[in-house]
Amino acid sequence: MTRSDLVVLLAERFGQLAQRDTEFAVKTILDAMSDSLARGHRIEIRGFGSFQVNRRPPRMGRNPRSGEQVLIPEKLVPHFKPGKALREGVDAHSTANKELLAAQQIQG
């Protein structure tokens, strides 16, 4: 699902909101989450998951063309950890799809 897909889905589900208002709401939420992570804060959405910033320490890498060793600097990267409800929901959906495919293959 893309950002624009999310905007369309929300606009359809909440008919009282104009497409423009829905787009603004999605942008506002995502911007707030980005700003919070940039400040080093952790974001937790119950039933969905949590976002936090992980530190990747500096390390030695290798330039693939020359083979020369290169120092790769420290990086701070966002990390998402799915919540229990999301993991179980995805697993249940995946299991149901596999069972449906198996039943279709048996039928011919």
Protein backbone atom coordinates (compact mmCIF):
# COMPACT_ATOMS: atom_id res chain seq x y z
CA MET A 1 0.00 0.00 0.00
CA THR A 2 1.29 3.42 -0.92
CA ARG A 3 0.65 6.74 0.76
CA SER A 4 -1.87 7.71 -1.93
CA ASP A 5 -3.65 4.34 -1.51
CA LEU A 6 -3.98 5.08 2.20
CA VAL A 7 -5.41 8.54 1.49
CA VAL A 8 -8.00 7.08 -0.93
CA LEU A 9 -8.96 4.31 1.53
CA LEU A 10 -9.45 6.78 4.39
CA ALA A 11 -11.43 9.19 2.19
CA GLU A 12 -13.74 6.32 1.18
CA ARG A 13 -14.15 5.05 4.76
CA PHE A 14 -14.84 8.52 6.22
CA GLY A 15 -17.17 10.13 3.70
CA GLN A 16 -17.49 13.34 5.73
CA LEU A 17 -13.82 14.12 5.00
CA ALA A 18 -12.77 15.60 1.68
CA GLN A 19 -9.88 13.95 -0.16
CA ARG A 20 -7.77 17.06 0.50
CA ASP A 21 -8.46 16.91 4.26
CA THR A 22 -7.59 13.21 4.35
CA GLU A 23 -4.35 13.86 2.47
CA PHE A 24 -3.48 16.63 4.96
CA ALA A 25 -4.21 14.34 7.94
CA VAL A 26 -1.99 11.55 6.59
CA LYS A 27 0.82 14.01 5.83
CA THR A 28 0.53 15.53 9.31
CA ILE A 29 0.71 12.14 11.04
CA LEU A 30 3.69 10.96 9.00
CA ASP A 31 5.53 14.28 9.47
CA ALA A 32 4.96 14.11 13.25
CA MET A 33 6.29 10.55 13.33
CA SER A 34 9.36 11.53 11.27
CA ASP A 35 10.08 14.53 13.49
CA SER A 36 9.73 12.43 16.63
CA LEU A 37 12.16 9.80 15.33
CA ALA A 38 14.60 12.50 14.21
CA ARG A 39 14.63 13.79 17.82
CA GLY A 40 15.46 10.27 19.03
CA HIS A 41 12.05 9.46 20.50
CA ARG A 42 10.35 6.07 20.36
CA ILE A 43 6.87 5.71 18.83
CA GLU A 44 4.51 2.98 20.00
CA ILE A 45 1.15 2.26 18.38
CA ARG A 46 -0.62 -0.43 20.41
CA GLY A 47 -1.71 -3.42 18.34
CA PHE A 48 0.44 -2.30 15.41
CA GLY A 49 4.06 -1.93 16.49
CA SER A 50 6.80 0.43 17.53
CA PHE A 51 9.35 2.58 15.76
CA GLN A 52 12.70 3.53 17.22
CA VAL A 53 16.08 4.74 16.07
CA ASN A 54 18.93 2.23 16.07
CA ARG A 55 22.61 3.13 15.95
CA ARG A 56 24.86 1.43 13.41
CA PRO A 57 28.44 1.83 14.61
CA PRO A 58 31.23 2.89 12.24
CA ARG A 59 32.90 0.02 10.41
CA MET A 60 35.40 -0.79 7.73
CA GLY A 61 33.97 -1.56 4.32
CA ARG A 62 35.46 -2.28 0.94
CA ASN A 63 35.13 -0.35 -2.31
CA PRO A 64 33.86 -3.00 -4.78
CA ARG A 65 35.69 -1.46 -7.77
CA SER A 66 39.14 -0.94 -6.30
CA GLY A 67 39.07 -3.30 -3.35
CA GLU A 68 40.32 -0.44 -1.19
CA GLN A 69 39.20 -0.34 2.44
CA VAL A 70 36.85 2.52 3.29
CA LEU A 71 35.63 3.77 6.66
CA ILE A 72 31.83 3.75 6.78
CA PRO A 73 30.67 6.31 9.35
CA GLU A 74 28.14 5.76 12.12
CA LYS A 75 24.50 5.91 11.05
CA LEU A 76 21.22 6.29 12.88
CA VAL A 77 18.49 4.29 11.16
CA PRO A 78 14.76 3.91 11.85
CA HIS A 79 13.64 0.43 12.92
CA PHE A 80 10.11 -1.00 13.06
CA LYS A 81 9.13 -3.84 15.37
CA PRO A 82 5.65 -5.23 14.70
CA GLY A 83 3.30 -5.72 17.64
CA LYS A 84 1.86 -9.07 18.68
CA ALA A 85 -1.57 -8.39 17.15
CA LEU A 86 -0.03 -7.43 13.78
CA ARG A 87 2.25 -10.49 13.73
CA GLU A 88 -0.61 -12.83 14.57
CA GLY A 89 -2.93 -11.19 12.03
CA VAL A 90 -0.39 -11.49 9.22
CA ASP A 91 0.37 -15.09 10.17
CA ALA A 92 -3.34 -16.04 10.31
CA HIS A 93 -3.95 -14.41 6.91
CA SER A 94 -0.93 -16.19 5.42
CA THR A 95 -2.04 -19.55 6.83
CA ALA A 96 -5.57 -19.07 5.46
CA ASN A 97 -4.18 -18.26 1.99
CA LYS A 98 -1.99 -21.38 2.00
CA GLU A 99 -4.95 -23.55 2.99
CA LEU A 100 -7.08 -22.01 0.23
CA LEU A 101 -4.37 -22.67 -2.39
CA ALA A 102 -3.95 -26.27 -1.19
CA ALA A 103 -7.73 -26.84 -1.45
CA GLN A 104 -7.76 -25.39 -4.98
CA GLN A 105 -4.90 -27.64 -6.08
CA ILE A 106 -6.67 -30.75 -4.73
CA GLN A 107 -9.83 -29.87 -6.66
CA GLY A 108 -7.84 -29.72 -9.83
